[in-house]
Amino acid sequence: MTDDFLFFIAITCPIAKLKKHSILPKLRYCHQEKYGWITRIDLIKLGIYKLYLGKLNCPIMKKTTYLFILFLLTSCGGAGIKTAKDIKLDKIKTPCEWLKCYNIAVSEYLSFLLAKKESFTQDVKKAPVSEGEITSFEETKNFYVKLVEDLKALQKTKGWDDGVSVNSCSKEIKYENVINDYAKATNEVLPQIELIMYPGAKEATAYLKALMKKDFDIAKTLATKETAQNLDMMKSLGTDFGLTDVKDVKCRAEGDKATCTFCCTTDTSFKELKMQREGDKWLAHQPKETPPTEENQ
């Protein structure tokens, strides 16, 4: 069996396992002691190498190799995928291709967030983050989040979510590391950026959560003096704020005042929360604008 024939078989398979006596160990593509697991990228490199040396003399093999290299370049396992925008879900055919795409999407997302965190941290010293910058950030963030969620949905649909299918795909890419990177992006870096983009959001979130639990004593510590006095009255009246959850809190600041929007409340009259900065602290400021009491609803 010639090396050309072995290569012909290899390049027509998504992943090929070839013995030591093939051409692959000679080119240092053998990754294991007894058998070499040859990935799509390895095959592309090998195909280009052999074509360059003119060692694929058979016309049929030469044409087939060209066609398969073209096909492989359009899949996630091929060299054609350089950025997350190149990823096409319908081109992902194997768990190893999926892992590479998933790693590209998560790595880019984390890198994007870290770069924006650094940039916003420097810029906010001069001026608040502009509406245009926030809009651009949210659009890019939403692109990555949707892509990652779509990839996770594909993984579940294909039955690759047990971890076994993807854990042995690559020595360089570890499934657990990609998961940890996405968790870091979502739970650590993104909240830090939102604190920079939306000053007062952290304090507003704490205040709204206290209201949702009807813990007026905690809420008073997070409010201005006028608002704290008003909270005593609302407590005695049994005010219901209609808060079912507290999330997506976003604040726009102008000087020492900020207006925050949030989710989620059943009370349509309570859509915004005013915040006021006193010293280095943001405090809730709603001395007059209060939701109606249960008795008046």
C-alpha atoms as a PDB file:
ATOM      1  CA  MET A   1       0.000   0.000   0.000  1.00  0.00           C
ATOM      2  CA  THR A   2       1.617   3.234  -1.139  1.00  0.00           C
ATOM      3  CA  ASP A   3       1.798   6.451   0.827  1.00  0.00           C
ATOM      4  CA  ASP A   4      -0.291   8.143  -1.857  1.00  0.00           C
ATOM      5  CA  PHE A   5      -3.060   5.594  -1.385  1.00  0.00           C
ATOM      6  CA  LEU A   6      -2.923   5.960   2.404  1.00  0.00           C
ATOM      7  CA  PHE A   7      -3.116   9.725   2.022  1.00  0.00           C
ATOM      8  CA  PHE A   8      -6.033   9.383  -0.417  1.00  0.00           C
ATOM      9  CA  ILE A   9      -7.920   7.360   2.212  1.00  0.00           C
ATOM     10  CA  ALA A  10      -6.941   9.789   4.969  1.00  0.00           C
ATOM     11  CA  ILE A  11      -8.074  12.938   3.240  1.00  0.00           C
ATOM     12  CA  THR A  12     -11.487  11.472   2.446  1.00  0.00           C
ATOM     13  CA  CYS A  13     -12.212  10.950   6.166  1.00  0.00           C
ATOM     14  CA  PRO A  14     -12.967  13.645   8.791  1.00  0.00           C
ATOM     15  CA  ILE A  15     -10.434  12.005  11.134  1.00  0.00           C
ATOM     16  CA  ALA A  16      -8.045   9.267  10.031  1.00  0.00           C
ATOM     17  CA  LYS A  17      -5.890   6.923  12.103  1.00  0.00           C
ATOM     18  CA  LEU A  18      -2.854   5.768  10.153  1.00  0.00           C
ATOM     19  CA  LYS A  19      -0.083   3.366  11.143  1.00  0.00           C
ATOM     20  CA  LYS A  20       3.543   4.270  11.647  1.00  0.00           C
ATOM     21  CA  HIS A  21       4.726   3.023   8.274  1.00  0.00           C
ATOM     22  CA  SER A  22       2.717   5.723   6.434  1.00  0.00           C
ATOM     23  CA  ILE A  23       4.177   9.027   5.246  1.00  0.00           C
ATOM     24  CA  LEU A  24       2.763  10.912   8.243  1.00  0.00           C
ATOM     25  CA  PRO A  25       5.474  10.112  10.831  1.00  0.00           C
ATOM     26  CA  LYS A  26       8.089  11.173   8.285  1.00  0.00           C
ATOM     27  CA  LEU A  27       6.443  14.601   8.219  1.00  0.00           C
ATOM     28  CA  ARG A  28       6.128  14.614  12.038  1.00  0.00           C
ATOM     29  CA  TYR A  29       2.343  14.458  12.059  1.00  0.00           C
ATOM     30  CA  CYS A  30       2.267  11.379  14.264  1.00  0.00           C
ATOM     31  CA  HIS A  31       0.948  12.518  17.669  1.00  0.00           C
ATOM     32  CA  GLN A  32       0.742   9.229  19.518  1.00  0.00           C
ATOM     33  CA  GLU A  33       3.239   6.472  20.227  1.00  0.00           C
ATOM     34  CA  LYS A  34       1.560   3.788  18.115  1.00  0.00           C
ATOM     35  CA  TYR A  35      -1.057   5.589  15.992  1.00  0.00           C
ATOM     36  CA  GLY A  36      -1.251   9.123  14.714  1.00  0.00           C
ATOM     37  CA  TRP A  37      -4.577  10.934  14.995  1.00  0.00           C
ATOM     38  CA  ILE A  38      -4.676  13.124  11.917  1.00  0.00           C
ATOM     39  CA  THR A  39      -6.932  16.169  12.150  1.00  0.00           C
ATOM     40  CA  ARG A  40      -8.412  18.107   9.257  1.00  0.00           C
ATOM     41  CA  ILE A  41      -5.801  20.847   9.615  1.00  0.00           C
ATOM     42  CA  ASP A  42      -3.047  18.211   9.465  1.00  0.00           C
ATOM     43  CA  LEU A  43      -4.574  16.813   6.286  1.00  0.00           C
ATOM     44  CA  ILE A  44      -4.733  20.229   4.678  1.00  0.00           C
ATOM     45  CA  LYS A  45      -1.078  20.889   5.515  1.00  0.00           C
ATOM     46  CA  LEU A  46      -0.120  17.464   4.245  1.00  0.00           C
ATOM     47  CA  GLY A  47      -2.149  17.871   1.047  1.00  0.00           C
ATOM     48  CA  ILE A  48      -0.550  21.219   0.282  1.00  0.00           C
ATOM     49  CA  TYR A  49       2.874  19.763   1.071  1.00  0.00           C
ATOM     50  CA  LYS A  50       2.422  16.810  -1.274  1.00  0.00           C
ATOM     51  CA  LEU A  51       0.951  18.960  -4.034  1.00  0.00           C
ATOM     52  CA  TYR A  52       3.854  21.375  -3.648  1.00  0.00           C
ATOM     53  CA  LEU A  53       6.365  18.526  -4.044  1.00  0.00           C
ATOM     54  CA  GLY A  54       4.394  17.125  -6.962  1.00  0.00           C
ATOM     55  CA  LYS A  55       4.060  13.731  -5.294  1.00  0.00           C
ATOM     56  CA  LEU A  56       0.374  13.303  -6.133  1.00  0.00           C
ATOM     57  CA  ASN A  57       0.935  12.257  -9.738  1.00  0.00           C
ATOM     58  CA  CYS A  58      -2.339  10.410 -10.265  1.00  0.00           C
ATOM     59  CA  PRO A  59      -4.795  12.893 -11.919  1.00  0.00           C
ATOM     60  CA  ILE A  60      -7.809  11.469 -10.065  1.00  0.00           C
ATOM     61  CA  MET A  61      -6.072  11.709  -6.687  1.00  0.00           C
ATOM     62  CA  LYS A  62      -4.826  15.199  -7.476  1.00  0.00           C
ATOM     63  CA  LYS A  63      -8.315  16.430  -8.422  1.00  0.00           C
ATOM     64  CA  THR A  64      -9.927  14.711  -5.435  1.00  0.00           C
ATOM     65  CA  THR A  65      -7.337  16.222  -3.091  1.00  0.00           C
ATOM     66  CA  TYR A  66      -8.028  19.707  -4.428  1.00  0.00           C
ATOM     67  CA  LEU A  67     -11.773  19.211  -3.944  1.00  0.00           C
ATOM     68  CA  PHE A  68     -11.408  17.890  -0.411  1.00  0.00           C
ATOM     69  CA  ILE A  69      -9.023  20.667   0.607  1.00  0.00           C
ATOM     70  CA  LEU A  70     -11.607  23.156  -0.666  1.00  0.00           C
ATOM     71  CA  PHE A  71     -14.332  21.352   1.290  1.00  0.00           C
ATOM     72  CA  LEU A  72     -12.272  21.191   4.479  1.00  0.00           C
ATOM     73  CA  LEU A  73     -11.450  24.874   4.295  1.00  0.00           C
ATOM     74  CA  THR A  74     -15.161  25.657   4.554  1.00  0.00           C
ATOM     75  CA  SER A  75     -15.618  23.710   7.797  1.00  0.00           C
ATOM     76  CA  CYS A  76     -14.697  24.642  11.331  1.00  0.00           C
ATOM     77  CA  GLY A  77     -11.978  22.015  11.370  1.00  0.00           C
ATOM     78  CA  GLY A  78     -10.277  23.614   8.392  1.00  0.00           C
ATOM     79  CA  ALA A  79      -7.893  26.530   8.188  1.00  0.00           C
ATOM     80  CA  GLY A  80     -10.644  28.700   6.672  1.00  0.00           C
ATOM     81  CA  ILE A  81     -12.125  29.469  10.096  1.00  0.00           C
ATOM     82  CA  LYS A  82     -10.128  32.343  11.504  1.00  0.00           C
ATOM     83  CA  THR A  83     -12.746  34.346  13.400  1.00  0.00           C
ATOM     84  CA  ALA A  84     -16.122  33.753  15.011  1.00  0.00           C
ATOM     85  CA  LYS A  85     -17.822  35.471  12.073  1.00  0.00           C
ATOM     86  CA  ASP A  86     -16.600  32.662   9.795  1.00  0.00           C
ATOM     87  CA  ILE A  87     -18.451  30.002  11.794  1.00  0.00           C
ATOM     88  CA  LYS A  88     -21.376  28.347  10.008  1.00  0.00           C
ATOM     89  CA  LEU A  89     -23.403  26.017  12.208  1.00  0.00           C
ATOM     90  CA  ASP A  90     -24.583  23.871   9.322  1.00  0.00           C
ATOM     91  CA  LYS A  91     -20.959  23.134   8.360  1.00  0.00           C
ATOM     92  CA  ILE A  92     -20.109  21.554  11.718  1.00  0.00           C
ATOM     93  CA  LYS A  93     -20.236  17.794  11.240  1.00  0.00           C
ATOM     94  CA  THR A  94     -18.122  16.297  14.044  1.00  0.00           C
ATOM     95  CA  PRO A  95     -17.655  16.965  17.784  1.00  0.00           C
ATOM     96  CA  CYS A  96     -14.046  17.964  17.127  1.00  0.00           C
ATOM     97  CA  GLU A  97     -15.100  20.592  14.602  1.00  0.00           C
ATOM     98  CA  TRP A  98     -17.636  21.807  17.149  1.00  0.00           C
ATOM     99  CA  LEU A  99     -14.995  22.112  19.875  1.00  0.00           C
ATOM    100  CA  LYS A 100     -12.766  24.210  17.624  1.00  0.00           C
ATOM    101  CA  CYS A 101     -15.644  26.521  16.748  1.00  0.00           C
ATOM    102  CA  TYR A 102     -16.734  26.754  20.367  1.00  0.00           C
ATOM    103  CA  ASN A 103     -13.191  27.613  21.430  1.00  0.00           C
ATOM    104  CA  ILE A 104     -12.900  30.315  18.760  1.00  0.00           C
ATOM    105  CA  ALA A 105     -16.222  31.901  19.795  1.00  0.00           C
ATOM    106  CA  VAL A 106     -15.479  31.864  23.535  1.00  0.00           C
ATOM    107  CA  SER A 107     -11.850  32.976  23.168  1.00  0.00           C
ATOM    108  CA  GLU A 108     -12.839  35.909  20.983  1.00  0.00           C
ATOM    109  CA  TYR A 109     -15.653  36.878  23.350  1.00  0.00           C
ATOM    110  CA  LEU A 110     -13.392  36.859  26.410  1.00  0.00           C
ATOM    111  CA  SER A 111     -10.675  38.787  24.548  1.00  0.00           C
ATOM    112  CA  PHE A 112     -13.247  41.335  23.402  1.00  0.00           C
ATOM    113  CA  LEU A 113     -14.521  41.850  26.957  1.00  0.00           C
ATOM    114  CA  LEU A 114     -11.034  42.169  28.448  1.00  0.00           C
ATOM    115  CA  ALA A 115     -10.053  44.722  25.792  1.00  0.00           C
ATOM    116  CA  LYS A 116     -13.226  46.747  26.374  1.00  0.00           C
ATOM    117  CA  LYS A 117     -12.742  46.640  30.123  1.00  0.00           C
ATOM    118  CA  GLU A 118      -9.255  48.088  29.726  1.00  0.00           C
ATOM    119  CA  SER A 119     -10.426  50.701  27.226  1.00  0.00           C
ATOM    120  CA  PHE A 120     -13.474  51.803  29.222  1.00  0.00           C
ATOM    121  CA  THR A 121     -11.449  51.955  32.443  1.00  0.00           C
ATOM    122  CA  GLN A 122      -9.035  54.412  30.827  1.00  0.00           C
ATOM    123  CA  ASP A 123     -11.687  56.449  28.989  1.00  0.00           C
ATOM    124  CA  VAL A 124     -14.089  56.836  31.918  1.00  0.00           C
ATOM    125  CA  LYS A 125     -11.454  58.861  33.756  1.00  0.00           C
ATOM    126  CA  LYS A 126     -12.023  61.581  31.149  1.00  0.00           C
ATOM    127  CA  ALA A 127     -15.729  61.185  30.462  1.00  0.00           C
ATOM    128  CA  PRO A 128     -18.570  58.662  30.900  1.00  0.00           C
ATOM    129  CA  VAL A 129     -18.888  55.953  28.277  1.00  0.00           C
ATOM    130  CA  SER A 130     -20.920  57.441  25.407  1.00  0.00           C
ATOM    131  CA  GLU A 131     -24.243  56.128  24.098  1.00  0.00           C
ATOM    132  CA  GLY A 132     -22.571  55.210  20.815  1.00  0.00           C
ATOM    133  CA  GLU A 133     -19.893  53.167  22.576  1.00  0.00           C
ATOM    134  CA  ILE A 134     -22.501  51.401  24.696  1.00  0.00           C
ATOM    135  CA  THR A 135     -24.652  50.586  21.656  1.00  0.00           C
ATOM    136  CA  SER A 136     -21.649  49.231  19.773  1.00  0.00           C
ATOM    137  CA  PHE A 137     -20.575  47.178  22.784  1.00  0.00           C
ATOM    138  CA  GLU A 138     -24.040  45.707  23.307  1.00  0.00           C
ATOM    139  CA  GLU A 139     -24.342  44.724  19.629  1.00  0.00           C
ATOM    140  CA  THR A 140     -20.993  42.919  19.634  1.00  0.00           C
ATOM    141  CA  LYS A 141     -21.674  41.300  22.994  1.00  0.00           C
ATOM    142  CA  ASN A 142     -25.070  40.055  21.809  1.00  0.00           C
ATOM    143  CA  PHE A 143     -23.456  38.566  18.682  1.00  0.00           C
ATOM    144  CA  TYR A 144     -21.019  36.498  20.739  1.00  0.00           C
ATOM    145  CA  VAL A 145     -23.598  35.462  23.325  1.00  0.00           C
ATOM    146  CA  LYS A 146     -26.040  34.306  20.630  1.00  0.00           C
ATOM    147  CA  LEU A 147     -23.289  32.419  18.783  1.00  0.00           C
ATOM    148  CA  VAL A 148     -22.186  30.625  21.941  1.00  0.00           C
ATOM    149  CA  GLU A 149     -25.786  29.779  22.855  1.00  0.00           C
ATOM    150  CA  ASP A 150     -26.414  28.474  19.330  1.00  0.00           C
ATOM    151  CA  LEU A 151     -23.276  26.330  19.540  1.00  0.00           C
ATOM    152  CA  LYS A 152     -24.380  24.949  22.908  1.00  0.00           C
ATOM    153  CA  ALA A 153     -27.808  24.158  21.454  1.00  0.00           C
ATOM    154  CA  LEU A 154     -26.157  22.355  18.529  1.00  0.00           C
ATOM    155  CA  GLN A 155     -23.979  20.393  20.934  1.00  0.00           C
ATOM    156  CA  LYS A 156     -27.067  19.234  22.828  1.00  0.00           C
ATOM    157  CA  THR A 157     -28.972  18.383  19.654  1.00  0.00           C
ATOM    158  CA  LYS A 158     -26.065  16.290  18.355  1.00  0.00           C
ATOM    159  CA  GLY A 159     -25.573  14.523  21.686  1.00  0.00           C
ATOM    160  CA  TRP A 160     -22.064  15.868  22.168  1.00  0.00           C
ATOM    161  CA  ASP A 161     -22.840  17.455  25.551  1.00  0.00           C
ATOM    162  CA  ASP A 162     -21.648  14.476  27.600  1.00  0.00           C
ATOM    163  CA  GLY A 163     -18.082  15.769  27.340  1.00  0.00           C
ATOM    164  CA  VAL A 164     -16.781  12.379  26.197  1.00  0.00           C
ATOM    165  CA  SER A 165     -17.230  13.238  22.520  1.00  0.00           C
ATOM    166  CA  VAL A 166     -15.079  16.354  22.655  1.00  0.00           C
ATOM    167  CA  ASN A 167     -12.582  15.715  25.448  1.00  0.00           C
ATOM    168  CA  SER A 168     -10.252  13.626  23.283  1.00  0.00           C
ATOM    169  CA  CYS A 169     -10.340  15.900  20.252  1.00  0.00           C
ATOM    170  CA  SER A 170      -7.299  18.047  20.909  1.00  0.00           C
ATOM    171  CA  LYS A 171      -4.305  18.277  23.188  1.00  0.00           C
ATOM    172  CA  GLU A 172      -4.253  22.051  22.804  1.00  0.00           C
ATOM    173  CA  ILE A 173      -7.967  22.730  23.370  1.00  0.00           C
ATOM    174  CA  LYS A 174      -9.480  21.453  26.606  1.00  0.00           C
ATOM    175  CA  TYR A 175     -13.278  21.405  26.834  1.00  0.00           C
ATOM    176  CA  GLU A 176     -13.228  22.280  30.538  1.00  0.00           C
ATOM    177  CA  ASN A 177     -10.971  25.275  29.902  1.00  0.00           C
ATOM    178  CA  VAL A 178     -13.357  26.668  27.293  1.00  0.00           C
ATOM    179  CA  ILE A 179     -16.281  26.288  29.708  1.00  0.00           C
ATOM    180  CA  ASN A 180     -14.283  28.059  32.430  1.00  0.00           C
ATOM    181  CA  ASP A 181     -13.373  30.890  30.035  1.00  0.00           C
ATOM    182  CA  TYR A 182     -17.031  31.465  29.197  1.00  0.00           C
ATOM    183  CA  ALA A 183     -17.940  31.441  32.886  1.00  0.00           C
ATOM    184  CA  LYS A 184     -15.212  34.008  33.534  1.00  0.00           C
ATOM    185  CA  ALA A 185     -16.497  36.198  30.699  1.00  0.00           C
ATOM    186  CA  THR A 186     -20.107  35.999  31.886  1.00  0.00           C
ATOM    187  CA  ASN A 187     -19.746  36.071  35.658  1.00  0.00           C
ATOM    188  CA  GLU A 188     -16.606  38.141  36.172  1.00  0.00           C
ATOM    189  CA  VAL A 189     -15.549  40.401  33.309  1.00  0.00           C
ATOM    190  CA  LEU A 190     -18.978  41.411  31.941  1.00  0.00           C
ATOM    191  CA  PRO A 191     -20.320  42.612  35.335  1.00  0.00           C
ATOM    192  CA  GLN A 192     -17.150  44.682  35.784  1.00  0.00           C
ATOM    193  CA  ILE A 193     -17.702  46.355  32.410  1.00  0.00           C
ATOM    194  CA  GLU A 194     -21.363  47.041  33.189  1.00  0.00           C
ATOM    195  CA  LEU A 195     -20.321  48.785  36.396  1.00  0.00           C
ATOM    196  CA  ILE A 196     -18.175  51.128  34.291  1.00  0.00           C
ATOM    197  CA  MET A 197     -20.789  51.664  31.579  1.00  0.00           C
ATOM    198  CA  TYR A 198     -23.698  52.023  33.975  1.00  0.00           C
ATOM    199  CA  PRO A 199     -22.534  53.925  37.102  1.00  0.00           C
ATOM    200  CA  GLY A 200     -24.896  53.372  40.004  1.00  0.00           C
ATOM    201  CA  ALA A 201     -26.237  50.086  38.623  1.00  0.00           C
ATOM    202  CA  LYS A 202     -24.700  47.985  41.386  1.00  0.00           C
ATOM    203  CA  GLU A 203     -26.257  50.133  44.117  1.00  0.00           C
ATOM    204  CA  ALA A 204     -29.568  50.341  42.254  1.00  0.00           C
ATOM    205  CA  THR A 205     -29.652  46.554  41.993  1.00  0.00           C
ATOM    206  CA  ALA A 206     -29.111  46.161  45.741  1.00  0.00           C
ATOM    207  CA  TYR A 207     -31.830  48.730  46.488  1.00  0.00           C
ATOM    208  CA  LEU A 208     -34.370  47.103  44.156  1.00  0.00           C
ATOM    209  CA  LYS A 209     -33.678  43.668  45.613  1.00  0.00           C
ATOM    210  CA  ALA A 210     -34.338  45.046  49.083  1.00  0.00           C
ATOM    211  CA  LEU A 211     -37.655  46.486  47.864  1.00  0.00           C
ATOM    212  CA  MET A 212     -38.590  43.199  46.224  1.00  0.00           C
ATOM    213  CA  LYS A 213     -38.049  41.425  49.560  1.00  0.00           C
ATOM    214  CA  LYS A 214     -39.844  44.307  51.327  1.00  0.00           C
ATOM    215  CA  ASP A 215     -36.769  44.734  53.498  1.00  0.00           C
ATOM    216  CA  PHE A 216     -37.266  48.445  54.057  1.00  0.00           C
ATOM    217  CA  ASP A 217     -34.548  48.689  56.714  1.00  0.00           C
ATOM    218  CA  ILE A 218     -31.890  47.556  54.203  1.00  0.00           C
ATOM    219  CA  ALA A 219     -33.395  49.755  51.496  1.00  0.00           C
ATOM    220  CA  LYS A 220     -33.086  52.822  53.755  1.00  0.00           C
ATOM    221  CA  THR A 221     -29.315  52.313  54.050  1.00  0.00           C
ATOM    222  CA  LEU A 222     -29.084  52.446  50.236  1.00  0.00           C
ATOM    223  CA  ALA A 223     -31.169  55.599  49.838  1.00  0.00           C
ATOM    224  CA  THR A 224     -30.883  59.350  50.345  1.00  0.00           C
ATOM    225  CA  LYS A 225     -32.174  60.861  53.572  1.00  0.00           C
ATOM    226  CA  GLU A 226     -35.400  62.077  51.941  1.00  0.00           C
ATOM    227  CA  THR A 227     -36.028  58.705  50.354  1.00  0.00           C
ATOM    228  CA  ALA A 228     -35.352  56.892  53.638  1.00  0.00           C
ATOM    229  CA  GLN A 229     -38.047  58.988  55.335  1.00  0.00           C
ATOM    230  CA  ASN A 230     -40.448  58.162  52.520  1.00  0.00           C
ATOM    231  CA  LEU A 231     -39.654  54.456  52.860  1.00  0.00           C
ATOM    232  CA  ASP A 232     -40.903  54.555  56.456  1.00  0.00           C
ATOM    233  CA  MET A 233     -44.249  55.806  55.172  1.00  0.00           C
ATOM    234  CA  MET A 234     -44.362  53.177  52.407  1.00  0.00           C
ATOM    235  CA  LYS A 235     -43.599  50.459  54.945  1.00  0.00           C
ATOM    236  CA  SER A 236     -46.494  51.534  57.146  1.00  0.00           C
ATOM    237  CA  LEU A 237     -48.834  51.619  54.124  1.00  0.00           C
ATOM    238  CA  GLY A 238     -47.743  48.179  52.942  1.00  0.00           C
ATOM    239  CA  THR A 239     -46.581  49.435  49.574  1.00  0.00           C
ATOM    240  CA  ASP A 240     -46.199  46.757  46.933  1.00  0.00           C
ATOM    241  CA  PHE A 241     -43.669  47.602  44.228  1.00  0.00           C
ATOM    242  CA  GLY A 242     -44.699  44.707  41.991  1.00  0.00           C
ATOM    243  CA  LEU A 243     -41.103  43.516  41.627  1.00  0.00           C
ATOM    244  CA  THR A 244     -40.935  39.884  40.497  1.00  0.00           C
ATOM    245  CA  ASP A 245     -37.203  39.864  39.725  1.00  0.00           C
ATOM    246  CA  VAL A 246     -34.252  42.259  39.532  1.00  0.00           C
ATOM    247  CA  LYS A 247     -32.010  42.060  36.478  1.00  0.00           C
ATOM    248  CA  ASP A 248     -30.800  44.020  33.462  1.00  0.00           C
ATOM    249  CA  VAL A 249     -30.297  47.141  35.590  1.00  0.00           C
ATOM    250  CA  LYS A 250     -28.801  49.869  33.410  1.00  0.00           C
ATOM    251  CA  CYS A 251     -28.155  53.436  34.465  1.00  0.00           C
ATOM    252  CA  ARG A 252     -27.300  56.587  32.527  1.00  0.00           C
ATOM    253  CA  ALA A 253     -25.505  59.233  34.562  1.00  0.00           C
ATOM    254  CA  GLU A 254     -25.383  62.974  34.094  1.00  0.00           C
ATOM    255  CA  GLY A 255     -23.137  64.526  36.666  1.00  0.00           C
ATOM    256  CA  ASP A 256     -24.252  63.404  40.132  1.00  0.00           C
ATOM    257  CA  LYS A 257     -27.635  62.107  38.981  1.00  0.00           C
ATOM    258  CA  ALA A 258     -28.533  58.901  37.173  1.00  0.00           C
ATOM    259  CA  THR A 259     -31.673  57.285  35.810  1.00  0.00           C
ATOM    260  CA  CYS A 260     -31.877  53.506  35.875  1.00  0.00           C
ATOM    261  CA  THR A 261     -34.089  51.106  33.966  1.00  0.00           C
ATOM    262  CA  PHE A 262     -34.608  47.527  35.090  1.00  0.00           C
ATOM    263  CA  CYS A 263     -36.573  44.315  34.879  1.00  0.00           C
ATOM    264  CA  CYS A 264     -38.972  43.031  36.162  1.00  0.00           C
ATOM    265  CA  THR A 265     -42.098  44.593  37.701  1.00  0.00           C
ATOM    266  CA  THR A 266     -45.832  44.195  37.203  1.00  0.00           C
ATOM    267  CA  ASP A 267     -46.357  47.819  38.223  1.00  0.00           C
ATOM    268  CA  THR A 268     -46.267  49.868  35.016  1.00  0.00           C
ATOM    269  CA  SER A 269     -45.850  53.104  36.982  1.00  0.00           C
ATOM    270  CA  PHE A 270     -42.515  51.947  38.392  1.00  0.00           C
ATOM    271  CA  LYS A 271     -40.262  51.685  35.326  1.00  0.00           C
ATOM    272  CA  GLU A 272     -37.354  53.886  36.371  1.00  0.00           C
ATOM    273  CA  LEU A 273     -35.294  54.489  39.468  1.00  0.00           C
ATOM    274  CA  LYS A 274     -33.500  57.760  40.139  1.00  0.00           C
ATOM    275  CA  MET A 275     -30.065  57.635  41.723  1.00  0.00           C
ATOM    276  CA  GLN A 276     -28.015  60.408  43.277  1.00  0.00           C
ATOM    277  CA  ARG A 277     -24.312  60.467  44.070  1.00  0.00           C
ATOM    278  CA  GLU A 278     -23.348  61.701  47.502  1.00  0.00           C
ATOM    279  CA  GLY A 279     -19.600  61.696  47.972  1.00  0.00           C
ATOM    280  CA  ASP A 280     -18.349  58.459  46.413  1.00  0.00           C
ATOM    281  CA  LYS A 281     -21.637  56.588  46.874  1.00  0.00           C
ATOM    282  CA  TRP A 282     -24.670  56.213  44.622  1.00  0.00           C
ATOM    283  CA  LEU A 283     -27.945  56.278  46.558  1.00  0.00           C
ATOM    284  CA  ALA A 284     -31.528  55.649  45.501  1.00  0.00           C
ATOM    285  CA  HIS A 285     -33.440  58.925  45.275  1.00  0.00           C
ATOM    286  CA  GLN A 286     -37.233  58.655  45.028  1.00  0.00           C
ATOM    287  CA  PRO A 287     -38.664  60.940  47.704  1.00  0.00           C
ATOM    288  CA  LYS A 288     -41.905  61.677  45.813  1.00  0.00           C
ATOM    289  CA  GLU A 289     -42.146  59.272  42.880  1.00  0.00           C
ATOM    290  CA  THR A 290     -43.423  56.129  44.549  1.00  0.00           C
ATOM    291  CA  PRO A 291     -45.590  53.288  43.324  1.00  0.00           C
ATOM    292  CA  PRO A 292     -49.240  53.242  44.524  1.00  0.00           C
ATOM    293  CA  THR A 293     -50.170  51.235  47.591  1.00  0.00           C
ATOM    294  CA  GLU A 294     -52.213  48.045  47.432  1.00  0.00           C
ATOM    295  CA  GLU A 295     -55.237  49.917  48.857  1.00  0.00           C
ATOM    296  CA  ASN A 296     -55.248  52.397  45.951  1.00  0.00           C
ATOM    297  CA  GLN A 297     -54.608  49.882  43.167  1.00  0.00           C
END
